[in-house]
C-alpha atoms as a PDB file:
ATOM      1  CA  UNK A   1      47.210  29.446  75.187  1.00  0.00           C
ATOM      2  CA  UNK A   2      43.801  27.003  75.610  1.00  0.00           C
ATOM      3  CA  UNK A   3      42.372  25.938  78.532  1.00  0.00           C
ATOM      4  CA  UNK A   4      43.680  22.113  76.966  1.00  0.00           C
ATOM      5  CA  UNK A   5      47.090  23.953  77.550  1.00  0.00           C
ATOM      6  CA  UNK A   6      46.862  25.483  80.386  1.00  0.00           C
ATOM      7  CA  UNK A   7      45.622  21.958  81.838  1.00  0.00           C
ATOM      8  CA  UNK A   8      48.274  19.819  80.774  1.00  0.00           C
ATOM      9  CA  UNK A   9      51.300  22.894  81.132  1.00  0.00           C
ATOM     10  CA  UNK A  10      50.017  22.271  85.161  1.00  0.00           C
ATOM     11  CA  UNK A  11      50.199  18.927  85.390  1.00  0.00           C
ATOM     12  CA  UNK A  12      53.565  18.824  83.772  1.00  0.00           C
ATOM     13  CA  UNK A  13      54.169  20.852  86.115  1.00  0.00           C
ATOM     14  CA  UNK A  14      52.590  19.212  89.174  1.00  0.00           C
ATOM     15  CA  UNK A  15      55.669  16.402  88.148  1.00  0.00           C
ATOM     16  CA  UNK A  16      58.334  17.987  88.324  1.00  0.00           C
ATOM     17  CA  UNK A  17      60.490  16.929  90.711  1.00  0.00           C
ATOM     18  CA  UNK A  18      59.258  13.031  91.491  1.00  0.00           C
ATOM     19  CA  UNK A  19      60.195  10.374  92.099  1.00  0.00           C
ATOM     20  CA  UNK A  20      58.882   7.048  91.017  1.00  0.00           C
ATOM     21  CA  UNK A  21      58.063   5.132  93.653  1.00  0.00           C
ATOM     22  CA  UNK A  22      60.181   1.936  93.841  1.00  0.00           C
ATOM     23  CA  UNK A  23      58.294  -1.455  94.239  1.00  0.00           C
ATOM     24  CA  UNK A  24      57.704  -2.909  97.932  1.00  0.00           C
ATOM     25  CA  UNK A  25      54.903  -5.705  97.393  1.00  0.00           C
ATOM     26  CA  UNK A  26      55.768  -9.130  98.295  1.00  0.00           C
ATOM     27  CA  UNK A  27      56.134 -10.204  95.350  1.00  0.00           C
ATOM     28  CA  UNK A  28      55.079 -14.465  97.035  1.00  0.00           C
ATOM     29  CA  UNK A  29      51.611 -12.576  97.807  1.00  0.00           C
ATOM     30  CA  UNK A  30      50.683 -12.478  94.493  1.00  0.00           C
ATOM     31  CA  UNK A  31      52.313 -15.647  92.790  1.00  0.00           C
ATOM     32  CA  UNK A  32      51.976 -17.886  95.163  1.00  0.00           C
ATOM     33  CA  UNK A  33      48.601 -19.278  95.382  1.00  0.00           C
ATOM     34  CA  UNK A  34      48.280 -19.603  92.230  1.00  0.00           C
ATOM     35  CA  UNK A  35      51.775 -21.591  91.243  1.00  0.00           C
ATOM     36  CA  UNK A  36      51.768 -25.381  89.890  1.00  0.00           C
ATOM     37  CA  UNK A  37      53.830 -27.865  88.886  1.00  0.00           C
ATOM     38  CA  UNK A  38      55.361 -27.588  85.177  1.00  0.00           C
ATOM     39  CA  UNK A  39      53.887 -31.078  84.458  1.00  0.00           C
ATOM     40  CA  UNK A  40      49.682 -29.939  85.647  1.00  0.00           C
ATOM     41  CA  UNK A  41      49.488 -26.686  83.721  1.00  0.00           C
ATOM     42  CA  UNK A  42      48.243 -28.082  80.475  1.00  0.00           C
ATOM     43  CA  UNK A  43      46.239 -30.453  82.380  1.00  0.00           C
ATOM     44  CA  UNK A  44      44.868 -27.187  84.171  1.00  0.00           C
ATOM     45  CA  UNK A  45      44.571 -25.600  81.914  1.00  0.00           C
ATOM     46  CA  UNK A  46      42.684 -27.656  79.814  1.00  0.00           C
ATOM     47  CA  UNK A  47      40.221 -28.892  82.457  1.00  0.00           C
ATOM     48  CA  UNK A  48      39.408 -25.058  83.020  1.00  0.00           C
ATOM     49  CA  UNK A  49      39.024 -24.077  79.303  1.00  0.00           C
ATOM     50  CA  UNK A  50      36.554 -27.447  79.013  1.00  0.00           C
ATOM     51  CA  UNK A  51      34.724 -26.890  81.908  1.00  0.00           C
ATOM     52  CA  UNK A  52      33.378 -23.038  79.870  1.00  0.00           C
ATOM     53  CA  UNK A  53      32.554 -25.521  76.572  1.00  0.00           C
ATOM     54  CA  UNK A  54      36.539 -24.732  75.079  1.00  0.00           C
ATOM     55  CA  UNK A  55      37.559 -27.764  72.712  1.00  0.00           C
ATOM     56  CA  UNK A  56      41.203 -28.213  73.039  1.00  0.00           C
ATOM     57  CA  UNK A  57      43.139 -30.787  71.240  1.00  0.00           C
ATOM     58  CA  UNK A  58      46.841 -32.218  72.193  1.00  0.00           C
ATOM     59  CA  UNK A  59      48.981 -32.512  68.936  1.00  0.00           C
ATOM     60  CA  UNK A  60      52.783 -32.480  67.654  1.00  0.00           C
ATOM     61  CA  UNK A  61      54.575 -30.128  65.448  1.00  0.00           C
ATOM     62  CA  UNK A  62      53.982 -31.964  62.589  1.00  0.00           C
ATOM     63  CA  UNK A  63      50.222 -33.023  62.826  1.00  0.00           C
ATOM     64  CA  UNK A  64      48.646 -30.148  63.647  1.00  0.00           C
ATOM     65  CA  UNK A  65      47.982 -28.984  60.078  1.00  0.00           C
ATOM     66  CA  UNK A  66      46.512 -33.190  59.442  1.00  0.00           C
ATOM     67  CA  UNK A  67      44.053 -32.318  62.480  1.00  0.00           C
ATOM     68  CA  UNK A  68      43.099 -28.285  61.577  1.00  0.00           C
ATOM     69  CA  UNK A  69      41.821 -30.459  58.259  1.00  0.00           C
ATOM     70  CA  UNK A  70      40.133 -32.589  60.321  1.00  0.00           C
ATOM     71  CA  UNK A  71      38.343 -29.744  62.470  1.00  0.00           C
ATOM     72  CA  UNK A  72      37.343 -28.494  59.592  1.00  0.00           C
ATOM     73  CA  UNK A  73      36.278 -31.341  57.827  1.00  0.00           C
ATOM     74  CA  UNK A  74      33.987 -31.969  61.162  1.00  0.00           C
ATOM     75  CA  UNK A  75      32.065 -28.658  60.812  1.00  0.00           C
ATOM     76  CA  UNK A  76      31.601 -29.178  56.863  1.00  0.00           C
ATOM     77  CA  UNK A  77      34.384 -26.223  56.384  1.00  0.00           C
ATOM     78  CA  UNK A  78      35.951 -26.169  53.388  1.00  0.00           C
ATOM     79  CA  UNK A  79      37.668 -22.750  54.523  1.00  0.00           C
ATOM     80  CA  UNK A  80      40.541 -21.095  56.669  1.00  0.00           C
ATOM     81  CA  UNK A  81      41.154 -17.518  57.328  1.00  0.00           C
ATOM     82  CA  UNK A  82      45.301 -17.294  58.369  1.00  0.00           C
ATOM     83  CA  UNK A  83      48.368 -15.105  58.311  1.00  0.00           C
ATOM     84  CA  UNK A  84      50.476 -15.966  55.291  1.00  0.00           C
ATOM     85  CA  UNK A  85      53.169 -14.655  57.021  1.00  0.00           C
ATOM     86  CA  UNK A  86      53.240 -16.267  60.085  1.00  0.00           C
ATOM     87  CA  UNK A  87      55.002 -19.905  60.214  1.00  0.00           C
ATOM     88  CA  UNK A  88      51.968 -21.311  60.683  1.00  0.00           C
ATOM     89  CA  UNK A  89      49.936 -19.149  58.332  1.00  0.00           C
ATOM     90  CA  UNK A  90      53.077 -20.232  55.366  1.00  0.00           C
ATOM     91  CA  UNK A  91      52.323 -23.534  56.500  1.00  0.00           C
ATOM     92  CA  UNK A  92      48.909 -24.461  55.050  1.00  0.00           C
ATOM     93  CA  UNK A  93      49.625 -21.888  52.387  1.00  0.00           C
ATOM     94  CA  UNK A  94      51.921 -23.932  51.242  1.00  0.00           C
ATOM     95  CA  UNK A  95      49.994 -27.751  52.482  1.00  0.00           C
ATOM     96  CA  UNK A  96      47.210 -26.369  50.497  1.00  0.00           C
ATOM     97  CA  UNK A  97      47.882 -25.975  46.940  1.00  0.00           C
ATOM     98  CA  UNK A  98      46.643 -28.899  45.061  1.00  0.00           C
ATOM     99  CA  UNK A  99      43.192 -30.003  44.007  1.00  0.00           C
ATOM    100  CA  UNK A 100      40.300 -30.572  47.317  1.00  0.00           C
ATOM    101  CA  UNK A 101      42.793 -29.017  49.922  1.00  0.00           C
ATOM    102  CA  UNK A 102      40.792 -26.267  52.439  1.00  0.00           C
ATOM    103  CA  UNK A 103      40.672 -22.938  50.613  1.00  0.00           C
ATOM    104  CA  UNK A 104      42.313 -20.500  52.154  1.00  0.00           C
ATOM    105  CA  UNK A 105      42.174 -16.866  52.973  1.00  0.00           C
ATOM    106  CA  UNK A 106      44.699 -13.744  54.151  1.00  0.00           C
ATOM    107  CA  UNK A 107      43.196 -10.835  55.881  1.00  0.00           C
ATOM    108  CA  UNK A 108      45.588  -8.490  53.976  1.00  0.00           C
ATOM    109  CA  UNK A 109      42.718  -5.396  53.322  1.00  0.00           C
ATOM    110  CA  UNK A 110      41.653  -2.351  55.448  1.00  0.00           C
ATOM    111  CA  UNK A 111      38.819  -3.917  57.368  1.00  0.00           C
ATOM    112  CA  UNK A 112      36.638  -1.307  55.632  1.00  0.00           C
ATOM    113  CA  UNK A 113      37.484  -2.772  52.022  1.00  0.00           C
ATOM    114  CA  UNK A 114      35.853  -5.896  52.558  1.00  0.00           C
ATOM    115  CA  UNK A 115      33.667  -6.432  55.937  1.00  0.00           C
ATOM    116  CA  UNK A 116      31.133  -7.725  53.965  1.00  0.00           C
ATOM    117  CA  UNK A 117      32.969 -10.890  53.543  1.00  0.00           C
ATOM    118  CA  UNK A 118      34.483 -11.105  57.029  1.00  0.00           C
ATOM    119  CA  UNK A 119      31.382 -10.808  58.485  1.00  0.00           C
ATOM    120  CA  UNK A 120      29.296 -12.433  56.468  1.00  0.00           C
ATOM    121  CA  UNK A 121      31.776 -15.290  54.389  1.00  0.00           C
ATOM    122  CA  UNK A 122      34.784 -16.406  56.742  1.00  0.00           C
ATOM    123  CA  UNK A 123      33.190 -18.484  58.677  1.00  0.00           C
ATOM    124  CA  UNK A 124      36.984 -19.906  60.458  1.00  0.00           C
ATOM    125  CA  UNK A 125      40.375 -18.244  61.094  1.00  0.00           C
ATOM    126  CA  UNK A 126      43.587 -19.990  62.430  1.00  0.00           C
ATOM    127  CA  UNK A 127      45.607 -17.756  64.843  1.00  0.00           C
ATOM    128  CA  UNK A 128      48.394 -18.363  67.152  1.00  0.00           C
ATOM    129  CA  UNK A 129      49.237 -17.272  70.702  1.00  0.00           C
ATOM    130  CA  UNK A 130      51.495 -15.692  73.155  1.00  0.00           C
ATOM    131  CA  UNK A 131      50.975 -18.084  75.708  1.00  0.00           C
ATOM    132  CA  UNK A 132      48.383 -19.239  78.318  1.00  0.00           C
ATOM    133  CA  UNK A 133      47.520 -19.600  82.099  1.00  0.00           C
ATOM    134  CA  UNK A 134      46.888 -22.445  84.052  1.00  0.00           C
ATOM    135  CA  UNK A 135      45.957 -20.376  86.738  1.00  0.00           C
ATOM    136  CA  UNK A 136      42.768 -19.479  85.187  1.00  0.00           C
ATOM    137  CA  UNK A 137      42.944 -21.835  82.022  1.00  0.00           C
ATOM    138  CA  UNK A 138      43.160 -18.154  79.551  1.00  0.00           C
ATOM    139  CA  UNK A 139      44.846 -17.968  76.309  1.00  0.00           C
ATOM    140  CA  UNK A 140      46.898 -14.942  75.933  1.00  0.00           C
ATOM    141  CA  UNK A 141      46.694 -13.386  72.304  1.00  0.00           C
ATOM    142  CA  UNK A 142      48.676 -10.381  71.167  1.00  0.00           C
ATOM    143  CA  UNK A 143      47.542  -8.998  68.122  1.00  0.00           C
ATOM    144  CA  UNK A 144      49.532  -7.509  65.361  1.00  0.00           C
ATOM    145  CA  UNK A 145      49.471  -6.119  61.961  1.00  0.00           C
ATOM    146  CA  UNK A 146      49.553  -9.820  60.444  1.00  0.00           C
ATOM    147  CA  UNK A 147      47.070 -11.212  62.828  1.00  0.00           C
ATOM    148  CA  UNK A 148      44.546  -7.995  64.268  1.00  0.00           C
ATOM    149  CA  UNK A 149      42.023  -8.460  66.962  1.00  0.00           C
ATOM    150  CA  UNK A 150      39.270  -9.157  64.287  1.00  0.00           C
ATOM    151  CA  UNK A 151      40.480 -12.094  62.778  1.00  0.00           C
ATOM    152  CA  UNK A 152      40.237 -13.816  66.008  1.00  0.00           C
ATOM    153  CA  UNK A 153      37.044 -12.132  67.249  1.00  0.00           C
ATOM    154  CA  UNK A 154      34.581 -12.162  63.519  1.00  0.00           C
ATOM    155  CA  UNK A 155      34.722 -16.081  62.549  1.00  0.00           C
ATOM    156  CA  UNK A 156      32.252 -18.456  64.676  1.00  0.00           C
ATOM    157  CA  UNK A 157      35.280 -20.789  64.178  1.00  0.00           C
ATOM    158  CA  UNK A 158      38.260 -19.538  65.950  1.00  0.00           C
ATOM    159  CA  UNK A 159      40.855 -22.402  65.724  1.00  0.00           C
ATOM    160  CA  UNK A 160      44.050 -21.001  68.583  1.00  0.00           C
ATOM    161  CA  UNK A 161      47.810 -22.719  68.135  1.00  0.00           C
ATOM    162  CA  UNK A 162      48.920 -22.936  71.343  1.00  0.00           C
ATOM    163  CA  UNK A 163      52.712 -24.324  72.016  1.00  0.00           C
ATOM    164  CA  UNK A 164      52.812 -26.227  75.462  1.00  0.00           C
ATOM    165  CA  UNK A 165      56.038 -24.689  75.799  1.00  0.00           C
ATOM    166  CA  UNK A 166      54.052 -21.276  76.625  1.00  0.00           C
ATOM    167  CA  UNK A 167      51.784 -22.034  79.238  1.00  0.00           C
ATOM    168  CA  UNK A 168      53.095 -20.271  82.712  1.00  0.00           C
ATOM    169  CA  UNK A 169      51.415 -20.355  85.592  1.00  0.00           C
ATOM    170  CA  UNK A 170      49.636 -16.936  85.861  1.00  0.00           C
ATOM    171  CA  UNK A 171      49.525 -13.403  84.339  1.00  0.00           C
ATOM    172  CA  UNK A 172      52.302 -11.610  86.586  1.00  0.00           C
ATOM    173  CA  UNK A 173      54.568 -14.574  85.218  1.00  0.00           C
ATOM    174  CA  UNK A 174      53.739 -14.218  82.147  1.00  0.00           C
ATOM    175  CA  UNK A 175      53.935 -10.079  82.682  1.00  0.00           C
ATOM    176  CA  UNK A 176      57.748 -11.114  83.545  1.00  0.00           C
ATOM    177  CA  UNK A 177      58.781 -13.512  80.962  1.00  0.00           C
ATOM    178  CA  UNK A 178      57.797 -11.397  78.314  1.00  0.00           C
ATOM    179  CA  UNK A 179      59.204  -7.929  79.947  1.00  0.00           C
ATOM    180  CA  UNK A 180      56.064  -5.408  79.638  1.00  0.00           C
ATOM    181  CA  UNK A 181      57.698  -3.363  81.598  1.00  0.00           C
ATOM    182  CA  UNK A 182      59.852  -2.443  79.030  1.00  0.00           C
ATOM    183  CA  UNK A 183      56.918  -2.089  76.542  1.00  0.00           C
ATOM    184  CA  UNK A 184      53.318  -2.496  76.920  1.00  0.00           C
ATOM    185  CA  UNK A 185      51.064  -4.396  74.456  1.00  0.00           C
ATOM    186  CA  UNK A 186      47.957  -2.019  72.932  1.00  0.00           C
ATOM    187  CA  UNK A 187      45.742  -4.877  73.294  1.00  0.00           C
ATOM    188  CA  UNK A 188      46.498  -8.330  75.233  1.00  0.00           C
ATOM    189  CA  UNK A 189      43.515 -10.372  75.039  1.00  0.00           C
ATOM    190  CA  UNK A 190      42.698 -12.739  77.799  1.00  0.00           C
ATOM    191  CA  UNK A 191      40.622 -15.577  76.105  1.00  0.00           C
ATOM    192  CA  UNK A 192      38.331 -18.788  78.415  1.00  0.00           C
ATOM    193  CA  UNK A 193      36.903 -19.526  76.309  1.00  0.00           C
ATOM    194  CA  UNK A 194      33.487 -19.573  73.225  1.00  0.00           C
ATOM    195  CA  UNK A 195      31.286 -16.079  73.889  1.00  0.00           C
ATOM    196  CA  UNK A 196      28.405 -16.069  75.482  1.00  0.00           C
ATOM    197  CA  UNK A 197      25.489 -14.291  77.059  1.00  0.00           C
ATOM    198  CA  UNK A 198      22.494 -15.014  79.051  1.00  0.00           C
ATOM    199  CA  UNK A 199      19.054 -13.199  78.901  1.00  0.00           C
ATOM    200  CA  UNK A 200      16.662 -12.467  82.649  1.00  0.00           C
ATOM    201  CA  UNK A 201      16.066 -16.146  82.468  1.00  0.00           C
ATOM    202  CA  UNK A 202      19.604 -17.093  82.587  1.00  0.00           C
ATOM    203  CA  UNK A 203      19.034 -19.315  78.979  1.00  0.00           C
ATOM    204  CA  UNK A 204      23.325 -19.434  77.838  1.00  0.00           C
ATOM    205  CA  UNK A 205      23.925 -18.245  74.260  1.00  0.00           C
ATOM    206  CA  UNK A 206      26.601 -19.088  72.224  1.00  0.00           C
ATOM    207  CA  UNK A 207      27.582 -16.170  69.716  1.00  0.00           C
ATOM    208  CA  UNK A 208      26.687 -13.052  70.689  1.00  0.00           C
ATOM    209  CA  UNK A 209      29.632 -10.495  70.526  1.00  0.00           C
ATOM    210  CA  UNK A 210      32.816 -13.127  68.903  1.00  0.00           C
ATOM    211  CA  UNK A 211      33.469 -16.549  67.450  1.00  0.00           C
ATOM    212  CA  UNK A 212      30.432 -19.635  69.139  1.00  0.00           C
ATOM    213  CA  UNK A 213      34.076 -22.323  68.657  1.00  0.00           C
ATOM    214  CA  UNK A 214      37.092 -22.498  70.487  1.00  0.00           C
ATOM    215  CA  UNK A 215      39.235 -24.874  69.238  1.00  0.00           C
ATOM    216  CA  UNK A 216      42.413 -25.312  71.007  1.00  0.00           C
ATOM    217  CA  UNK A 217      45.439 -27.075  69.584  1.00  0.00           C
ATOM    218  CA  UNK A 218      47.615 -27.601  72.700  1.00  0.00           C
ATOM    219  CA  UNK A 219      51.473 -28.237  70.298  1.00  0.00           C
ATOM    220  CA  UNK A 220      53.787 -30.717  72.387  1.00  0.00           C
ATOM    221  CA  UNK A 221      57.363 -30.048  72.990  1.00  0.00           C
ATOM    222  CA  UNK A 222      59.546 -32.151  71.054  1.00  0.00           C
END
């Protein structure tokens, strides 16, 4: 038996006959200070996110593609990284067929096959979101095969689609709503604003470790 096997055997043996401890914490203690009237959640989220230089827009299910086009045009961009297999990606693919439409590209290969293009010739991306937290002003992303983490990390501009109905009060409520106890995400992200850093002189710079421009489109429920 190797040293590794010996250590693992001892760990497994020490667990035999043990029972997991029941949760005895006071749920109100971790939730009540961070609860808000439903009609105030989106407004609070926008205020907190805009404080850290996130651009937010209220829009509708019918109008958000037009808003995406306007955001790209305002920045002089004509291409966008999307996930065609998602409902929002498929909608843009169908819409952007004619001449004069923005160009789109898909994250459909291992990063090793197009790393240079991803880092050097992909100025913007669009992804969905799992939800958002009113308490901290944070988006929640759950990357998957269709929208990998690099999709929201590498392009200088990240446009995030957020349904207003998925904005919850706090992180605990998000975990309960999505039943994380039944299956934890491999990589859940809380994002409040564009990437930024500061040097010893406290000079703030954006885009140091991720997008320097974050735009959130909040789709109001109809």
